[in-house]
Amino acid sequence: MGKRILLVEDEKNVILGVRTCLDAVGYDVEIVEDGEEALNAVGREHPDLILLDLLMPKVDGFEVLKVLKGKEDTRKIPIIVLTAKAEEEDKQRAMDLGADSYMTKPFKPQELWDRLKHYLPNA
């Protein structure tokens, strides 16, 4: 079984593109479409890495970061923010809340691969 990635994203085209790429190289991808589902899925799925959008329904990505990085059992899960929010203050806020990396949409697949290899080196 491949490394488990939780994709927290509500844009269908992004979900399709990311899932296709990750499935092709053997990652086990679970998809949730809002922050509330993400918080519930982490305990159930035990992901090795989370790809997190910030602009989410119900609970936004900033709150998801705050909760996950604030808990002992989830704080070490790498979280790569994958968002359309390109403002420096958004990036700084996410990093201050514990994001491990920050990517803006649109992104190049190679950039995503490079980050995944960094955080999941034996995948």
N, C-alpha and C. Protein backbone atom coordinates (compact mmCIF):
# COMPACT_ATOMS: atom_id res chain seq x y z
N MET A 1 0.85 -1.18 0.00
CA MET A 1 0.00 0.00 0.00
C MET A 1 0.89 1.24 0.00
N GLY A 2 0.51 2.26 -0.81
CA GLY A 2 1.27 3.49 -0.91
C GLY A 2 1.03 4.39 0.28
N LYS A 3 1.77 5.46 0.30
CA LYS A 3 1.60 6.47 1.35
C LYS A 3 0.20 7.07 1.24
N ARG A 4 -0.38 7.38 2.38
CA ARG A 4 -1.75 7.91 2.44
C ARG A 4 -1.72 9.44 2.43
N ILE A 5 -2.43 10.03 1.49
CA ILE A 5 -2.54 11.48 1.38
C ILE A 5 -3.99 11.87 1.51
N LEU A 6 -4.25 12.84 2.37
CA LEU A 6 -5.58 13.41 2.50
C LEU A 6 -5.61 14.70 1.71
N LEU A 7 -6.45 14.75 0.69
CA LEU A 7 -6.63 15.95 -0.13
C LEU A 7 -7.88 16.66 0.35
N VAL A 8 -7.71 17.87 0.86
CA VAL A 8 -8.82 18.68 1.36
C VAL A 8 -9.05 19.79 0.34
N GLU A 9 -10.04 19.60 -0.51
CA GLU A 9 -10.24 20.48 -1.66
C GLU A 9 -11.70 20.44 -2.08
N ASP A 10 -12.26 21.60 -2.46
CA ASP A 10 -13.65 21.63 -2.88
C ASP A 10 -13.83 21.98 -4.36
N GLU A 11 -12.75 22.20 -5.09
CA GLU A 11 -12.84 22.49 -6.52
C GLU A 11 -12.67 21.18 -7.30
N LYS A 12 -13.71 20.80 -8.02
CA LYS A 12 -13.73 19.51 -8.71
C LYS A 12 -12.57 19.33 -9.69
N ASN A 13 -12.23 20.40 -10.44
CA ASN A 13 -11.13 20.26 -11.41
C ASN A 13 -9.79 20.04 -10.72
N VAL A 14 -9.57 20.66 -9.59
CA VAL A 14 -8.33 20.45 -8.84
C VAL A 14 -8.31 19.04 -8.27
N ILE A 15 -9.44 18.61 -7.73
CA ILE A 15 -9.53 17.24 -7.19
C ILE A 15 -9.17 16.22 -8.27
N LEU A 16 -9.77 16.36 -9.43
CA LEU A 16 -9.52 15.42 -10.52
C LEU A 16 -8.05 15.41 -10.93
N GLY A 17 -7.47 16.59 -11.12
CA GLY A 17 -6.07 16.68 -11.54
C GLY A 17 -5.11 16.11 -10.52
N VAL A 18 -5.28 16.49 -9.27
CA VAL A 18 -4.37 16.02 -8.22
C VAL A 18 -4.54 14.52 -8.01
N ARG A 19 -5.78 14.07 -7.95
CA ARG A 19 -6.01 12.64 -7.72
C ARG A 19 -5.42 11.79 -8.85
N THR A 20 -5.61 12.22 -10.08
CA THR A 20 -5.07 11.49 -11.23
C THR A 20 -3.55 11.36 -11.12
N CYS A 21 -2.89 12.47 -10.80
CA CYS A 21 -1.43 12.45 -10.67
C CYS A 21 -0.98 11.55 -9.53
N LEU A 22 -1.63 11.64 -8.39
CA LEU A 22 -1.20 10.87 -7.22
C LEU A 22 -1.51 9.39 -7.36
N ASP A 23 -2.67 9.07 -7.94
CA ASP A 23 -3.01 7.67 -8.17
C ASP A 23 -2.01 7.01 -9.12
N ALA A 24 -1.55 7.77 -10.11
CA ALA A 24 -0.65 7.23 -11.13
C ALA A 24 0.68 6.77 -10.55
N VAL A 25 1.08 7.35 -9.44
CA VAL A 25 2.36 6.95 -8.84
C VAL A 25 2.18 6.14 -7.56
N GLY A 26 0.95 5.71 -7.29
CA GLY A 26 0.74 4.76 -6.21
C GLY A 26 0.39 5.33 -4.85
N TYR A 27 0.10 6.61 -4.75
CA TYR A 27 -0.35 7.14 -3.47
C TYR A 27 -1.80 6.73 -3.23
N ASP A 28 -2.13 6.49 -1.99
CA ASP A 28 -3.50 6.19 -1.59
C ASP A 28 -4.13 7.53 -1.20
N VAL A 29 -5.10 8.02 -1.99
CA VAL A 29 -5.65 9.36 -1.82
C VAL A 29 -7.07 9.30 -1.28
N GLU A 30 -7.29 10.00 -0.19
CA GLU A 30 -8.63 10.19 0.36
C GLU A 30 -8.97 11.66 0.12
N ILE A 31 -10.20 11.91 -0.33
CA ILE A 31 -10.62 13.28 -0.64
C ILE A 31 -11.78 13.68 0.25
N VAL A 32 -11.66 14.86 0.84
CA VAL A 32 -12.77 15.48 1.56
C VAL A 32 -12.91 16.90 1.03
N GLU A 33 -14.15 17.42 1.08
CA GLU A 33 -14.42 18.68 0.42
C GLU A 33 -14.71 19.85 1.35
N ASP A 34 -14.49 19.68 2.65
CA ASP A 34 -14.60 20.83 3.55
C ASP A 34 -13.75 20.59 4.79
N GLY A 35 -13.51 21.67 5.52
CA GLY A 35 -12.64 21.59 6.68
C GLY A 35 -13.16 20.71 7.80
N GLU A 36 -14.46 20.70 7.98
CA GLU A 36 -15.04 19.86 9.02
C GLU A 36 -14.79 18.38 8.71
N GLU A 37 -15.01 18.01 7.46
CA GLU A 37 -14.73 16.62 7.04
C GLU A 37 -13.25 16.30 7.22
N ALA A 38 -12.38 17.27 6.94
CA ALA A 38 -10.94 17.05 7.08
C ALA A 38 -10.58 16.69 8.51
N LEU A 39 -11.11 17.44 9.45
CA LEU A 39 -10.80 17.17 10.86
C LEU A 39 -11.28 15.79 11.27
N ASN A 40 -12.43 15.38 10.78
CA ASN A 40 -12.95 14.04 11.08
C ASN A 40 -12.13 12.95 10.39
N ALA A 41 -11.72 13.21 9.15
CA ALA A 41 -11.01 12.20 8.36
C ALA A 41 -9.61 11.91 8.88
N VAL A 42 -8.95 12.89 9.48
CA VAL A 42 -7.58 12.68 9.93
C VAL A 42 -7.51 11.54 10.94
N GLY A 43 -8.42 11.52 11.89
CA GLY A 43 -8.42 10.44 12.88
C GLY A 43 -8.78 9.09 12.29
N ARG A 44 -9.60 9.10 11.27
CA ARG A 44 -10.07 7.87 10.63
C ARG A 44 -9.06 7.33 9.61
N GLU A 45 -8.44 8.21 8.85
CA GLU A 45 -7.57 7.81 7.74
C GLU A 45 -6.09 7.73 8.10
N HIS A 46 -5.66 8.43 9.14
CA HIS A 46 -4.26 8.47 9.54
C HIS A 46 -3.33 8.76 8.35
N PRO A 47 -3.51 9.92 7.72
CA PRO A 47 -2.70 10.22 6.52
C PRO A 47 -1.23 10.45 6.86
N ASP A 48 -0.39 10.18 5.86
CA ASP A 48 1.03 10.47 5.98
C ASP A 48 1.33 11.92 5.63
N LEU A 49 0.40 12.55 4.89
CA LEU A 49 0.55 13.94 4.45
C LEU A 49 -0.83 14.49 4.11
N ILE A 50 -0.99 15.80 4.29
CA ILE A 50 -2.26 16.46 3.96
C ILE A 50 -1.99 17.57 2.95
N LEU A 51 -2.77 17.59 1.88
CA LEU A 51 -2.81 18.72 0.94
C LEU A 51 -4.06 19.50 1.28
N LEU A 52 -3.90 20.76 1.69
CA LEU A 52 -4.99 21.52 2.29
C LEU A 52 -5.25 22.83 1.57
N ASP A 53 -6.47 23.00 1.10
CA ASP A 53 -6.91 24.30 0.58
C ASP A 53 -7.28 25.18 1.77
N LEU A 54 -7.16 26.48 1.61
CA LEU A 54 -7.53 27.39 2.69
C LEU A 54 -8.97 27.86 2.59
N LEU A 55 -9.45 28.02 1.38
CA LEU A 55 -10.80 28.53 1.15
C LEU A 55 -11.77 27.35 1.12
N MET A 56 -12.26 26.98 2.29
CA MET A 56 -13.10 25.79 2.43
C MET A 56 -14.42 26.14 3.08
N PRO A 57 -15.48 25.40 2.72
CA PRO A 57 -16.75 25.58 3.42
C PRO A 57 -16.69 25.02 4.85
N LYS A 58 -17.58 25.46 5.66
CA LYS A 58 -17.78 25.05 7.07
C LYS A 58 -16.62 25.48 7.96
N VAL A 59 -15.46 24.89 7.81
CA VAL A 59 -14.28 25.24 8.60
C VAL A 59 -13.17 25.53 7.61
N ASP A 60 -12.60 26.75 7.67
CA ASP A 60 -11.57 27.09 6.67
C ASP A 60 -10.24 26.40 6.98
N GLY A 61 -9.35 26.46 6.01
CA GLY A 61 -8.06 25.80 6.14
C GLY A 61 -7.19 26.34 7.26
N PHE A 62 -7.31 27.63 7.57
CA PHE A 62 -6.54 28.18 8.68
C PHE A 62 -6.94 27.51 10.00
N GLU A 63 -8.23 27.31 10.20
CA GLU A 63 -8.70 26.66 11.43
C GLU A 63 -8.28 25.19 11.45
N VAL A 64 -8.33 24.52 10.30
CA VAL A 64 -7.86 23.13 10.22
C VAL A 64 -6.39 23.05 10.64
N LEU A 65 -5.58 23.95 10.10
CA LEU A 65 -4.16 24.00 10.48
C LEU A 65 -4.00 24.18 11.98
N LYS A 66 -4.71 25.15 12.52
CA LYS A 66 -4.62 25.47 13.95
C LYS A 66 -4.96 24.25 14.81
N VAL A 67 -6.04 23.57 14.45
CA VAL A 67 -6.47 22.40 15.23
C VAL A 67 -5.46 21.25 15.10
N LEU A 68 -5.09 20.91 13.86
CA LEU A 68 -4.21 19.76 13.66
C LEU A 68 -2.81 19.98 14.21
N LYS A 69 -2.27 21.16 14.04
CA LYS A 69 -0.92 21.42 14.55
C LYS A 69 -0.91 21.68 16.05
N GLY A 70 -2.10 21.85 16.63
CA GLY A 70 -2.20 22.06 18.07
C GLY A 70 -2.41 20.78 18.86
N LYS A 71 -2.59 19.66 18.19
CA LYS A 71 -2.83 18.39 18.88
C LYS A 71 -1.60 17.50 18.78
N GLU A 72 -1.27 16.87 19.88
CA GLU A 72 -0.08 16.02 19.96
C GLU A 72 -0.09 14.91 18.91
N ASP A 73 -1.24 14.28 18.70
CA ASP A 73 -1.28 13.12 17.80
C ASP A 73 -1.32 13.48 16.32
N THR A 74 -1.49 14.76 15.97
CA THR A 74 -1.54 15.14 14.55
C THR A 74 -0.52 16.20 14.17
N ARG A 75 0.17 16.79 15.11
CA ARG A 75 1.05 17.92 14.79
C ARG A 75 2.22 17.58 13.89
N LYS A 76 2.61 16.31 13.83
CA LYS A 76 3.76 15.93 13.00
C LYS A 76 3.39 15.54 11.57
N ILE A 77 2.09 15.50 11.26
CA ILE A 77 1.67 15.19 9.89
C ILE A 77 2.03 16.38 9.01
N PRO A 78 2.83 16.19 7.97
CA PRO A 78 3.16 17.32 7.09
C PRO A 78 1.90 17.84 6.39
N ILE A 79 1.76 19.16 6.36
CA ILE A 79 0.62 19.78 5.69
C ILE A 79 1.15 20.75 4.65
N ILE A 80 0.82 20.47 3.40
CA ILE A 80 1.15 21.37 2.29
C ILE A 80 -0.12 22.13 1.94
N VAL A 81 -0.07 23.43 2.11
CA VAL A 81 -1.21 24.27 1.73
C VAL A 81 -1.17 24.42 0.22
N LEU A 82 -2.31 24.18 -0.41
CA LEU A 82 -2.46 24.27 -1.87
C LEU A 82 -3.67 25.16 -2.10
N THR A 83 -3.44 26.45 -2.41
CA THR A 83 -4.52 27.43 -2.38
C THR A 83 -4.38 28.50 -3.46
N ALA A 84 -5.48 29.18 -3.71
CA ALA A 84 -5.48 30.33 -4.62
C ALA A 84 -5.08 31.61 -3.89
N LYS A 85 -4.99 31.57 -2.57
CA LYS A 85 -4.64 32.75 -1.78
C LYS A 85 -3.14 33.02 -1.91
N ALA A 86 -2.80 34.03 -2.71
CA ALA A 86 -1.40 34.30 -3.02
C ALA A 86 -0.82 35.48 -2.24
N GLU A 87 -1.61 36.11 -1.39
CA GLU A 87 -1.11 37.25 -0.62
C GLU A 87 -0.09 36.81 0.42
N GLU A 88 0.94 37.62 0.59
CA GLU A 88 2.00 37.29 1.54
C GLU A 88 1.48 37.10 2.96
N GLU A 89 0.49 37.90 3.37
CA GLU A 89 -0.04 37.77 4.73
C GLU A 89 -0.77 36.44 4.94
N ASP A 90 -1.39 35.90 3.88
CA ASP A 90 -2.03 34.59 3.99
C ASP A 90 -0.98 33.50 4.14
N LYS A 91 0.07 33.60 3.35
CA LYS A 91 1.16 32.63 3.45
C LYS A 91 1.79 32.68 4.84
N GLN A 92 2.05 33.88 5.33
CA GLN A 92 2.68 34.02 6.64
C GLN A 92 1.78 33.46 7.74
N ARG A 93 0.49 33.75 7.64
CA ARG A 93 -0.46 33.22 8.65
C ARG A 93 -0.45 31.70 8.64
N ALA A 94 -0.50 31.10 7.44
CA ALA A 94 -0.50 29.64 7.35
C ALA A 94 0.79 29.06 7.93
N MET A 95 1.90 29.67 7.60
CA MET A 95 3.18 29.17 8.12
C MET A 95 3.25 29.34 9.64
N ASP A 96 2.73 30.45 10.14
CA ASP A 96 2.71 30.67 11.60
C ASP A 96 1.84 29.63 12.30
N LEU A 97 0.80 29.16 11.63
CA LEU A 97 -0.08 28.14 12.22
C LEU A 97 0.48 26.73 12.08
N GLY A 98 1.60 26.59 11.37
CA GLY A 98 2.27 25.29 11.32
C GLY A 98 2.32 24.61 9.96
N ALA A 99 1.87 25.28 8.90
CA ALA A 99 1.98 24.67 7.57
C ALA A 99 3.44 24.35 7.29
N ASP A 100 3.67 23.22 6.66
CA ASP A 100 5.03 22.81 6.33
C ASP A 100 5.49 23.40 5.00
N SER A 101 4.53 23.66 4.12
CA SER A 101 4.84 24.23 2.81
C SER A 101 3.60 24.94 2.30
N TYR A 102 3.79 25.83 1.30
CA TYR A 102 2.69 26.66 0.80
C TYR A 102 2.84 26.77 -0.71
N MET A 103 1.82 26.34 -1.43
CA MET A 103 1.82 26.41 -2.90
C MET A 103 0.57 27.16 -3.34
N THR A 104 0.73 27.99 -4.36
CA THR A 104 -0.44 28.69 -4.89
C THR A 104 -0.89 28.05 -6.19
N LYS A 105 -2.21 28.10 -6.40
CA LYS A 105 -2.82 27.62 -7.65
C LYS A 105 -2.80 28.77 -8.64
N PRO A 106 -2.64 28.48 -9.91
CA PRO A 106 -2.31 27.16 -10.45
C PRO A 106 -0.86 26.79 -10.14
N PHE A 107 -0.57 25.52 -10.16
CA PHE A 107 0.77 25.04 -9.86
C PHE A 107 1.19 24.05 -10.92
N LYS A 108 2.47 23.84 -11.02
CA LYS A 108 3.00 22.85 -11.96
C LYS A 108 3.10 21.51 -11.24
N PRO A 109 2.72 20.42 -11.91
CA PRO A 109 2.80 19.10 -11.27
C PRO A 109 4.19 18.80 -10.71
N GLN A 110 5.25 19.22 -11.40
CA GLN A 110 6.60 18.95 -10.91
C GLN A 110 6.85 19.60 -9.55
N GLU A 111 6.28 20.78 -9.35
CA GLU A 111 6.43 21.45 -8.05
C GLU A 111 5.78 20.62 -6.95
N LEU A 112 4.61 20.07 -7.24
CA LEU A 112 3.94 19.21 -6.26
C LEU A 112 4.76 17.95 -6.00
N TRP A 113 5.27 17.31 -7.07
CA TRP A 113 6.10 16.10 -6.90
C TRP A 113 7.31 16.38 -6.01
N ASP A 114 7.96 17.51 -6.28
CA ASP A 114 9.16 17.85 -5.50
C ASP A 114 8.83 17.97 -4.02
N ARG A 115 7.73 18.59 -3.71
CA ARG A 115 7.34 18.76 -2.30
C ARG A 115 6.95 17.42 -1.68
N LEU A 116 6.22 16.62 -2.43
CA LEU A 116 5.84 15.31 -1.91
C LEU A 116 7.08 14.47 -1.63
N LYS A 117 8.04 14.49 -2.54
CA LYS A 117 9.28 13.72 -2.34
C LYS A 117 10.03 14.21 -1.11
N HIS A 118 9.96 15.51 -0.86
CA HIS A 118 10.64 16.07 0.32
C HIS A 118 10.00 15.54 1.62
N TYR A 119 8.68 15.55 1.67
CA TYR A 119 7.98 15.16 2.91
C TYR A 119 7.69 13.67 3.01
N LEU A 120 7.71 12.97 1.88
CA LEU A 120 7.51 11.51 1.86
C LEU A 120 8.65 10.88 1.09
N PRO A 121 9.87 10.97 1.58
CA PRO A 121 11.04 10.56 0.80
C PRO A 121 11.09 9.09 0.40
N ASN A 122 10.44 8.23 1.13
CA ASN A 122 10.51 6.80 0.81
C ASN A 122 9.27 6.30 0.10
N ALA A 123 8.52 7.22 -0.47
CA ALA A 123 7.27 6.82 -1.13
C ALA A 123 7.55 6.30 -2.53
